[in-house]
N, C-alpha and C. Protein backbone atom coordinates (compact mmCIF):
# COMPACT_ATOMS: atom_id res chain seq x y z
N MET A 1 0.89 -1.15 0.12
CA MET A 1 0.09 -0.06 0.11
C MET A 1 1.11 1.13 0.00
N ALA A 2 0.51 2.06 -0.78
CA ALA A 2 1.12 3.46 -0.82
C ALA A 2 1.16 4.26 0.30
N LEU A 3 2.25 4.95 0.69
CA LEU A 3 2.36 5.79 2.03
C LEU A 3 1.65 7.12 1.61
N LEU A 4 1.66 7.57 0.27
CA LEU A 4 0.96 8.96 -0.01
C LEU A 4 0.44 8.63 -1.48
N GLU A 5 -0.82 9.01 -1.59
CA GLU A 5 -1.59 8.78 -2.96
C GLU A 5 -1.49 10.09 -3.57
N TRP A 6 -1.17 10.02 -5.06
CA TRP A 6 -1.13 11.27 -5.71
C TRP A 6 -2.71 11.44 -5.87
N THR A 7 -3.26 12.75 -5.38
CA THR A 7 -4.50 13.14 -5.86
C THR A 7 -4.78 14.59 -6.50
N GLU A 8 -5.88 14.89 -6.85
CA GLU A 8 -6.02 16.23 -7.57
C GLU A 8 -5.86 17.08 -6.40
N GLN A 9 -5.75 17.20 -5.28
CA GLN A 9 -5.45 18.23 -4.31
C GLN A 9 -4.11 18.57 -4.15
N LEU A 10 -3.16 17.78 -4.83
CA LEU A 10 -1.87 17.96 -4.96
C LEU A 10 -1.41 18.54 -6.23
N GLU A 11 -2.25 18.78 -7.28
CA GLU A 11 -1.83 19.45 -8.58
C GLU A 11 -2.05 20.94 -8.46
N LEU A 12 -1.09 21.49 -8.94
CA LEU A 12 -0.92 23.06 -8.56
C LEU A 12 -1.03 23.60 -9.83
N GLY A 13 -1.27 23.12 -11.09
CA GLY A 13 -1.49 23.94 -12.28
C GLY A 13 -0.21 24.33 -13.11
N VAL A 14 0.96 23.71 -12.59
CA VAL A 14 2.13 24.18 -13.13
C VAL A 14 3.03 22.81 -13.48
N ASP A 15 2.80 22.56 -14.96
CA ASP A 15 3.02 21.28 -15.39
C ASP A 15 4.37 20.63 -14.99
N ARG A 16 5.55 21.46 -15.07
CA ARG A 16 6.76 20.92 -14.52
C ARG A 16 6.69 20.57 -13.13
N MET A 17 6.41 21.46 -12.22
CA MET A 17 6.28 21.52 -10.80
C MET A 17 5.21 20.16 -10.63
N ASP A 18 4.11 20.03 -11.38
CA ASP A 18 3.25 18.86 -10.81
C ASP A 18 4.28 17.53 -11.20
N GLU A 19 4.87 17.53 -12.45
CA GLU A 19 5.46 16.30 -12.86
C GLU A 19 6.73 16.05 -11.55
N THR A 20 7.27 17.06 -11.24
CA THR A 20 8.47 16.85 -10.13
C THR A 20 7.67 16.43 -9.05
N HIS A 21 6.38 16.67 -8.61
CA HIS A 21 5.84 16.43 -7.39
C HIS A 21 5.70 14.99 -7.46
N ARG A 22 4.79 14.57 -8.80
CA ARG A 22 4.70 13.19 -9.02
C ARG A 22 5.74 12.24 -8.73
N GLU A 23 6.88 12.69 -9.13
CA GLU A 23 8.21 11.99 -9.17
C GLU A 23 8.47 11.73 -7.61
N PHE A 24 8.46 12.86 -6.72
CA PHE A 24 8.76 12.87 -5.31
C PHE A 24 7.94 11.94 -4.74
N VAL A 25 6.39 11.75 -5.02
CA VAL A 25 5.88 10.98 -4.12
C VAL A 25 5.83 9.48 -4.76
N ALA A 26 5.89 9.21 -5.83
CA ALA A 26 6.73 7.97 -6.48
C ALA A 26 7.75 7.40 -5.84
N GLN A 27 8.93 8.26 -5.49
CA GLN A 27 10.17 7.91 -5.26
C GLN A 27 9.90 7.64 -3.40
N LEU A 28 9.18 8.54 -2.80
CA LEU A 28 8.67 8.34 -1.35
C LEU A 28 8.10 6.89 -1.42
N ASN A 29 7.09 6.55 -2.08
CA ASN A 29 6.44 5.35 -1.88
C ASN A 29 7.17 4.20 -2.14
N ALA A 30 8.15 4.49 -3.18
CA ALA A 30 9.11 3.14 -3.40
C ALA A 30 10.02 3.09 -2.15
N LEU A 31 10.57 3.93 -1.64
CA LEU A 31 11.35 4.20 -0.35
C LEU A 31 10.72 3.65 0.68
N HIS A 32 9.21 3.77 0.88
CA HIS A 32 8.37 3.19 2.01
C HIS A 32 8.48 1.55 1.76
N ALA A 33 8.35 1.13 0.65
CA ALA A 33 8.22 -0.20 0.31
C ALA A 33 9.67 -0.73 0.09
N ALA A 34 10.87 0.06 0.35
CA ALA A 34 11.92 -0.82 0.18
C ALA A 34 12.39 -2.00 1.17
N SER A 35 13.35 -2.60 0.96
CA SER A 35 14.04 -3.63 1.73
C SER A 35 15.02 -2.96 2.30
N GLN A 36 15.54 -3.59 3.60
CA GLN A 36 16.61 -2.70 4.29
C GLN A 36 17.85 -2.74 3.58
N GLU A 37 17.99 -3.84 2.43
CA GLU A 37 19.24 -3.93 1.73
C GLU A 37 19.21 -3.03 0.87
N ASP A 38 17.85 -2.89 0.10
CA ASP A 38 17.74 -1.40 -0.85
C ASP A 38 17.69 0.02 -0.54
N PHE A 39 17.47 0.14 0.79
CA PHE A 39 16.74 1.47 1.68
C PHE A 39 18.03 2.42 1.10
N LEU A 40 19.16 2.27 1.32
CA LEU A 40 20.31 3.28 1.32
C LEU A 40 20.48 3.56 -0.07
N PRO A 41 20.64 2.64 -1.25
CA PRO A 41 20.68 3.36 -2.47
C PRO A 41 19.62 4.34 -2.89
N MET A 42 18.30 3.45 -2.50
CA MET A 42 17.11 4.41 -3.06
C MET A 42 17.11 5.63 -2.29
N LEU A 43 17.58 5.76 -0.90
CA LEU A 43 17.68 6.97 -0.40
C LEU A 43 18.47 8.03 -0.82
N ASP A 44 19.67 7.56 -1.36
CA ASP A 44 20.65 8.24 -2.11
C ASP A 44 19.91 8.74 -3.38
N ALA A 45 19.05 8.06 -3.91
CA ALA A 45 18.73 8.64 -5.44
C ALA A 45 17.43 9.44 -5.04
N PHE A 46 16.85 9.11 -3.93
CA PHE A 46 15.59 10.35 -3.55
C PHE A 46 16.33 11.54 -3.10
N ILE A 47 17.38 11.46 -2.27
CA ILE A 47 17.91 12.81 -1.91
C ILE A 47 18.36 13.57 -3.25
N GLU A 48 18.81 12.72 -4.46
CA GLU A 48 19.48 13.62 -5.33
C GLU A 48 18.36 14.14 -6.18
N HIS A 49 17.17 13.14 -6.19
CA HIS A 49 16.08 13.93 -6.99
C HIS A 49 15.72 15.20 -6.04
N THR A 50 15.56 15.06 -4.95
CA THR A 50 14.96 16.21 -4.00
C THR A 50 15.93 17.32 -4.10
N VAL A 51 17.47 17.25 -4.10
CA VAL A 51 18.03 18.28 -4.45
C VAL A 51 17.46 19.06 -5.77
N GLU A 52 17.53 18.50 -6.90
CA GLU A 52 17.09 18.97 -8.16
C GLU A 52 15.82 19.34 -8.06
N HIS A 53 14.78 18.96 -7.19
CA HIS A 53 13.74 19.55 -7.24
C HIS A 53 13.33 20.60 -6.61
N PHE A 54 14.24 20.76 -5.37
CA PHE A 54 14.34 22.02 -4.82
C PHE A 54 15.22 22.96 -5.51
N ALA A 55 16.19 22.73 -6.15
CA ALA A 55 17.10 23.43 -7.13
C ALA A 55 16.03 24.38 -8.00
N GLN A 56 15.18 23.53 -8.85
CA GLN A 56 14.52 24.01 -9.84
C GLN A 56 13.34 25.02 -9.24
N GLU A 57 12.88 24.69 -8.04
CA GLU A 57 11.98 25.79 -7.37
C GLU A 57 13.00 26.96 -7.05
N ALA A 58 14.02 26.87 -6.50
CA ALA A 58 14.85 27.92 -6.15
C ALA A 58 15.09 28.66 -7.50
N ARG A 59 15.28 27.93 -8.71
CA ARG A 59 15.59 29.10 -9.98
C ARG A 59 14.48 29.75 -10.25
N TRP A 60 13.17 29.11 -10.21
CA TRP A 60 11.88 29.76 -10.38
C TRP A 60 11.75 31.15 -9.47
N MET A 61 11.99 30.80 -8.36
CA MET A 61 11.70 31.91 -7.27
C MET A 61 12.82 32.91 -7.36
N ASN A 62 14.07 32.76 -8.00
CA ASN A 62 15.01 33.80 -8.19
C ASN A 62 14.80 34.47 -9.64
N GLU A 63 13.98 34.02 -10.54
CA GLU A 63 13.52 34.48 -11.56
C GLU A 63 12.65 35.56 -11.74
N MET A 64 11.91 35.75 -10.50
CA MET A 64 10.61 36.74 -10.42
C MET A 64 10.72 37.49 -9.14
N PRO A 65 10.18 38.26 -8.73
CA PRO A 65 9.91 38.80 -7.50
C PRO A 65 9.11 38.04 -6.78
N PHE A 66 9.21 37.30 -5.48
CA PHE A 66 8.55 36.13 -4.91
C PHE A 66 8.82 36.32 -3.61
N PRO A 67 8.29 37.31 -3.06
CA PRO A 67 8.33 37.71 -1.48
C PRO A 67 8.66 36.65 -0.60
N PRO A 68 7.77 35.55 -0.61
CA PRO A 68 8.37 34.57 0.43
C PRO A 68 9.54 33.65 0.16
N LYS A 69 10.36 33.85 -0.80
CA LYS A 69 11.47 33.03 -1.25
C LYS A 69 12.30 32.57 -0.10
N HIS A 70 12.73 33.39 0.72
CA HIS A 70 13.80 32.95 1.70
C HIS A 70 13.08 31.95 2.70
N CYS A 71 11.93 32.24 3.23
CA CYS A 71 11.13 31.19 3.94
C CYS A 71 11.01 30.05 3.25
N HIS A 72 10.74 29.81 2.05
CA HIS A 72 10.57 28.63 1.17
C HIS A 72 11.89 27.85 0.95
N MET A 73 12.87 28.80 0.70
CA MET A 73 14.37 28.06 0.48
C MET A 73 14.81 27.57 1.76
N HIS A 74 14.44 28.22 2.93
CA HIS A 74 14.97 27.81 4.24
C HIS A 74 14.21 26.61 4.63
N GLU A 75 12.90 26.44 4.18
CA GLU A 75 12.27 25.03 4.65
C GLU A 75 12.89 23.85 3.53
N HIS A 76 13.21 24.08 2.50
CA HIS A 76 13.95 23.23 1.76
C HIS A 76 15.37 22.86 2.17
N GLU A 77 16.07 23.83 2.58
CA GLU A 77 17.45 23.59 3.21
C GLU A 77 17.23 22.49 4.48
N GLY A 78 16.22 22.94 5.39
CA GLY A 78 16.09 22.35 6.44
C GLY A 78 15.73 20.71 6.24
N VAL A 79 14.88 20.45 5.25
CA VAL A 79 14.39 19.01 4.81
C VAL A 79 15.54 18.47 4.53
N LEU A 80 16.45 18.99 3.56
CA LEU A 80 17.62 18.31 2.73
C LEU A 80 18.71 17.99 4.08
N GLU A 81 18.79 18.91 4.96
CA GLU A 81 19.98 18.84 6.06
C GLU A 81 19.21 17.60 6.99
N ILE A 82 17.84 17.17 7.11
CA ILE A 82 17.44 15.96 7.96
C ILE A 82 17.76 14.93 6.96
N MET A 83 17.38 14.99 5.95
CA MET A 83 17.47 13.80 5.06
C MET A 83 18.94 13.38 4.81
N ARG A 84 19.89 14.32 4.75
CA ARG A 84 21.48 14.03 4.71
C ARG A 84 21.75 13.32 6.25
N GLU A 85 21.35 13.96 7.21
CA GLU A 85 21.80 13.34 8.43
C GLU A 85 21.14 12.01 8.83
N VAL A 86 19.74 11.63 8.21
CA VAL A 86 19.49 10.19 8.24
C VAL A 86 20.22 9.40 7.42
N ARG A 87 20.75 9.79 6.33
CA ARG A 87 21.31 9.07 5.64
C ARG A 87 22.68 8.48 6.22
N ARG A 88 23.01 9.41 6.92
CA ARG A 88 24.42 9.22 7.59
C ARG A 88 24.17 8.12 8.63
N MET A 89 23.04 8.67 9.53
CA MET A 89 22.84 7.47 10.44
C MET A 89 22.55 6.10 9.87
N VAL A 90 21.77 5.93 9.03
CA VAL A 90 21.52 4.74 8.16
C VAL A 90 22.67 4.11 7.62
N SER A 91 23.64 4.61 7.23
CA SER A 91 24.83 4.03 6.72
C SER A 91 25.82 3.77 8.06
N GLU A 92 25.56 4.14 9.31
CA GLU A 92 26.28 3.84 10.37
C GLU A 92 25.31 2.68 11.03
N GLY A 93 24.42 2.08 10.52
CA GLY A 93 23.77 1.06 11.03
C GLY A 93 22.54 1.27 11.91
N LYS A 94 22.05 2.44 11.91
CA LYS A 94 20.82 3.06 12.56
C LYS A 94 19.78 2.94 11.69
N THR A 95 19.55 1.59 11.19
CA THR A 95 18.42 1.49 10.12
C THR A 95 17.11 1.95 10.58
N HIS A 96 16.70 1.97 11.89
CA HIS A 96 15.15 2.24 12.41
C HIS A 96 14.88 3.65 11.96
N VAL A 97 15.82 4.57 12.06
CA VAL A 97 15.41 5.97 11.58
C VAL A 97 15.16 6.19 10.13
N GLY A 98 15.39 5.50 9.20
CA GLY A 98 15.14 5.55 7.92
C GLY A 98 13.61 5.73 7.50
N PRO A 99 12.70 4.69 8.26
CA PRO A 99 11.43 4.44 7.89
C PRO A 99 10.83 5.81 8.77
N VAL A 100 11.25 6.16 9.61
CA VAL A 100 10.71 7.49 10.35
C VAL A 100 10.73 8.56 9.62
N LEU A 101 11.77 8.70 8.57
CA LEU A 101 11.94 9.88 7.80
C LEU A 101 11.00 9.66 7.00
N VAL A 102 10.82 8.66 6.13
CA VAL A 102 10.00 8.30 5.05
C VAL A 102 8.43 8.59 5.66
N ARG A 103 8.13 8.16 6.69
CA ARG A 103 6.86 8.30 7.22
C ARG A 103 6.53 9.87 7.50
N GLU A 104 7.50 10.49 8.27
CA GLU A 104 7.51 11.99 8.33
C GLU A 104 7.27 13.17 7.11
N LEU A 105 8.15 12.42 6.12
CA LEU A 105 7.96 13.52 4.84
C LEU A 105 6.57 13.20 4.07
N ALA A 106 5.72 12.17 4.22
CA ALA A 106 4.51 12.16 3.65
C ALA A 106 3.82 13.31 3.99
N PRO A 107 3.38 13.48 5.26
CA PRO A 107 2.45 14.63 5.64
C PRO A 107 3.34 16.16 5.70
N TRP A 108 4.55 16.06 5.64
CA TRP A 108 5.41 17.53 5.45
C TRP A 108 5.00 17.66 4.12
N PHE A 109 5.11 16.94 3.04
CA PHE A 109 4.75 17.04 1.43
C PHE A 109 3.68 17.54 1.25
N GLU A 110 2.58 17.14 1.96
CA GLU A 110 1.24 17.42 1.41
C GLU A 110 1.14 18.84 2.12
N ASN A 111 1.65 19.27 3.25
CA ASN A 111 1.48 20.50 3.67
C ASN A 111 2.23 21.67 2.75
N HIS A 112 3.33 21.17 2.63
CA HIS A 112 4.38 22.02 1.78
C HIS A 112 3.89 22.40 0.37
N ALA A 113 3.00 21.25 -0.30
CA ALA A 113 2.63 21.54 -1.60
C ALA A 113 1.49 22.31 -1.47
N ARG A 114 0.68 22.21 -0.44
CA ARG A 114 -0.71 22.80 -0.41
C ARG A 114 -0.32 24.24 -0.06
N SER A 115 0.47 24.53 0.71
CA SER A 115 0.99 25.96 1.22
C SER A 115 1.91 26.71 0.18
N MET A 116 3.15 26.21 0.55
CA MET A 116 4.36 27.04 0.20
C MET A 116 4.25 26.62 -1.47
N ASP A 117 4.12 25.56 -1.94
CA ASP A 117 4.28 25.31 -3.56
C ASP A 117 2.99 26.03 -4.06
N ALA A 118 1.91 25.79 -3.31
CA ALA A 118 0.83 26.33 -4.13
C ALA A 118 1.04 27.72 -4.47
N THR A 119 1.74 28.50 -3.33
CA THR A 119 1.76 29.91 -3.59
C THR A 119 2.80 30.23 -4.76
N LEU A 120 3.95 29.30 -4.67
CA LEU A 120 4.80 29.38 -5.98
C LEU A 120 4.22 29.29 -7.22
N ALA A 121 3.49 28.18 -7.42
CA ALA A 121 2.52 28.10 -8.47
C ALA A 121 1.89 29.19 -8.86
N PHE A 122 1.12 29.75 -7.83
CA PHE A 122 0.42 30.98 -8.25
C PHE A 122 1.11 32.28 -8.84
N PHE A 123 2.20 32.34 -8.44
CA PHE A 123 3.34 33.31 -8.93
C PHE A 123 3.53 32.97 -10.30
N LEU A 124 3.90 31.79 -10.30
CA LEU A 124 4.51 31.50 -11.77
C LEU A 124 3.42 31.45 -12.73
N ARG A 125 2.04 31.17 -12.23
CA ARG A 125 1.11 31.16 -13.48
C ARG A 125 0.83 32.63 -13.92
N CYS A 126 0.94 33.74 -12.74
CA CYS A 126 0.63 35.14 -12.88
C CYS A 126 1.82 35.46 -13.76
N HIS A 127 3.04 35.16 -13.45
CA HIS A 127 4.40 35.52 -14.19
C HIS A 127 4.34 35.25 -15.36
N ALA A 128 3.65 33.96 -15.79
CA ALA A 128 3.88 33.65 -17.39
C ALA A 128 2.52 34.21 -18.02
N ALA A 129 1.46 34.76 -17.41
CA ALA A 129 0.52 35.59 -18.12
C ALA A 129 1.04 36.88 -18.17
N GLY A 130 1.86 37.38 -17.74
CA GLY A 130 2.37 38.75 -17.62
C GLY A 130 1.66 39.71 -16.69
N VAL A 131 1.05 38.81 -15.49
CA VAL A 131 0.21 39.43 -14.57
C VAL A 131 0.83 39.84 -13.17
N ASP A 132 0.80 40.97 -12.73
CA ASP A 132 1.45 41.22 -11.34
C ASP A 132 0.79 40.35 -10.21
N PRO A 133 1.28 39.25 -9.62
CA PRO A 133 0.52 38.57 -8.63
C PRO A 133 0.09 39.55 -7.60
N MET A 134 0.79 40.45 -6.99
CA MET A 134 0.55 41.48 -5.99
C MET A 134 -0.67 42.18 -6.29
N GLN A 135 -0.86 42.60 -7.37
CA GLN A 135 -1.95 43.25 -7.87
C GLN A 135 -3.06 42.27 -8.01
N VAL A 136 -3.30 41.08 -8.37
CA VAL A 136 -4.33 40.23 -8.49
C VAL A 136 -4.66 39.72 -6.64
N LEU A 137 -3.77 39.64 -5.94
CA LEU A 137 -4.03 39.62 -4.49
C LEU A 137 -4.65 40.85 -4.13
N ALA A 138 -4.13 41.77 -4.23
CA ALA A 138 -4.80 43.07 -3.66
C ALA A 138 -6.14 42.97 -3.94
N ALA A 139 -6.63 43.13 -5.53
CA ALA A 139 -7.85 42.98 -5.84
C ALA A 139 -8.68 42.00 -5.48
N GLN A 140 -8.08 40.79 -5.14
CA GLN A 140 -9.12 39.78 -4.63
C GLN A 140 -9.33 40.10 -3.10
N SER A 141 -8.26 40.66 -2.29
CA SER A 141 -8.42 40.81 -0.87
C SER A 141 -9.77 41.95 -0.77
N ALA A 142 -9.75 42.73 -1.81
CA ALA A 142 -10.76 44.02 -1.67
C ALA A 142 -12.19 43.26 -2.11
N HIS A 143 -12.13 42.23 -3.15
CA HIS A 143 -13.52 41.73 -3.47
C HIS A 143 -14.27 41.05 -2.32
N PRO A 144 -15.72 40.99 -2.01
CA PRO A 144 -16.47 40.46 -1.08
C PRO A 144 -15.96 38.79 -0.96
N CYS A 145 -15.91 38.24 -2.05
CA CYS A 145 -16.03 36.89 -1.68
C CYS A 145 -14.35 36.23 -1.56
N ALA A 146 -13.63 37.31 -2.00
CA ALA A 146 -12.02 37.16 -2.01
C ALA A 146 -11.71 35.49 -2.40
N HIS A 147 -11.48 35.30 -3.85
CA HIS A 147 -11.30 33.93 -4.16
C HIS A 147 -9.89 33.91 -3.63
N GLY A 148 -9.69 32.48 -3.64
CA GLY A 148 -8.26 32.15 -3.20
C GLY A 148 -7.31 32.30 -4.40
N ALA A 149 -5.89 32.54 -3.86
CA ALA A 149 -4.93 32.54 -4.57
C ALA A 149 -4.64 31.41 -5.69
N GLY A 150 -5.19 30.36 -5.18
CA GLY A 150 -4.89 29.03 -6.11
C GLY A 150 -5.70 29.27 -7.38
N GLN A 151 -6.81 29.90 -7.27
CA GLN A 151 -7.60 30.00 -8.48
C GLN A 151 -7.12 31.23 -9.43
N ALA A 152 -6.56 32.25 -8.81
CA ALA A 152 -6.25 33.31 -9.50
C ALA A 152 -5.12 33.10 -10.75
N CYS A 153 -4.95 33.50 -11.72
CA CYS A 153 -3.99 33.38 -12.69
C CYS A 153 -4.19 32.07 -13.35
N GLY A 154 -5.15 31.41 -12.98
CA GLY A 154 -5.43 30.07 -13.54
C GLY A 154 -6.77 30.05 -14.14
N GLY A 155 -7.22 31.08 -14.65
CA GLY A 155 -8.49 31.40 -15.14
C GLY A 155 -9.67 32.24 -14.44
N VAL A 156 -9.45 32.44 -13.33
CA VAL A 156 -10.16 33.21 -12.50
C VAL A 156 -9.68 34.81 -12.45
N GLU A 157 -10.38 35.62 -13.07
CA GLU A 157 -10.07 37.06 -13.07
C GLU A 157 -10.31 37.63 -11.74
N ALA A 158 -9.24 38.50 -11.11
CA ALA A 158 -9.71 39.25 -9.99
C ALA A 158 -10.92 40.13 -10.04
N GLY A 159 -11.66 39.79 -9.07
CA GLY A 159 -12.85 40.74 -9.15
C GLY A 159 -14.01 40.03 -9.90
N ALA A 160 -13.56 38.89 -10.27
CA ALA A 160 -14.89 38.11 -11.08
C ALA A 160 -15.98 37.71 -10.15
N ALA A 161 -17.21 37.67 -10.80
CA ALA A 161 -18.42 37.46 -9.93
C ALA A 161 -18.16 36.09 -9.15
N CYS A 162 -18.87 36.04 -8.23
CA CYS A 162 -18.65 34.71 -7.30
C CYS A 162 -19.60 33.70 -7.82
C-alpha cells in the first residue's frame, strides 16, 4: 500500500512542478516499500531527486519577484539537512531512523505542496500570464468573496463574479 497517494488536491497547475511532485511521491512510496538492503541506495537516489527538485523551485523563485522566497528556500534547506543526517545514520547501522524519515516526509510534503508550493505556483502562473501577482492578490482581498490565490491567474480574474 502506498504511503502517499497522488490526488487532484496536490495538482498545482504548473506542469513541470506537478511532474516533479509526482516523481517525489513515487520515489517516497518506493522508499517506503524498500527492503533494508535496498533502502540506502534508494535513499541516495531520493535525496538526489530532492536536491534537483528544490533547485528547480529556487531557480523559479529567483527569476521573479517572489516575496516568501527566503522562507520557502529555508524550509527546503532544513528538509535536505534532515535527509542527509538520516542517510548518515542509516549508513552507520541505525536503520530504524530511515522509515521514520519516510513516514514524516509524507505529511510534510502534503502540507508544503498545499501551502508554500501552491503560492509559488500562483506566482508562476501570474508571471507566465504577464500579470502582477501582488495586484491580483490586492484586488481579490478587496473583493467581497475573496477568491483564493490558487484560482487566480489560472482562469479566474480578480474581481470576477462569485
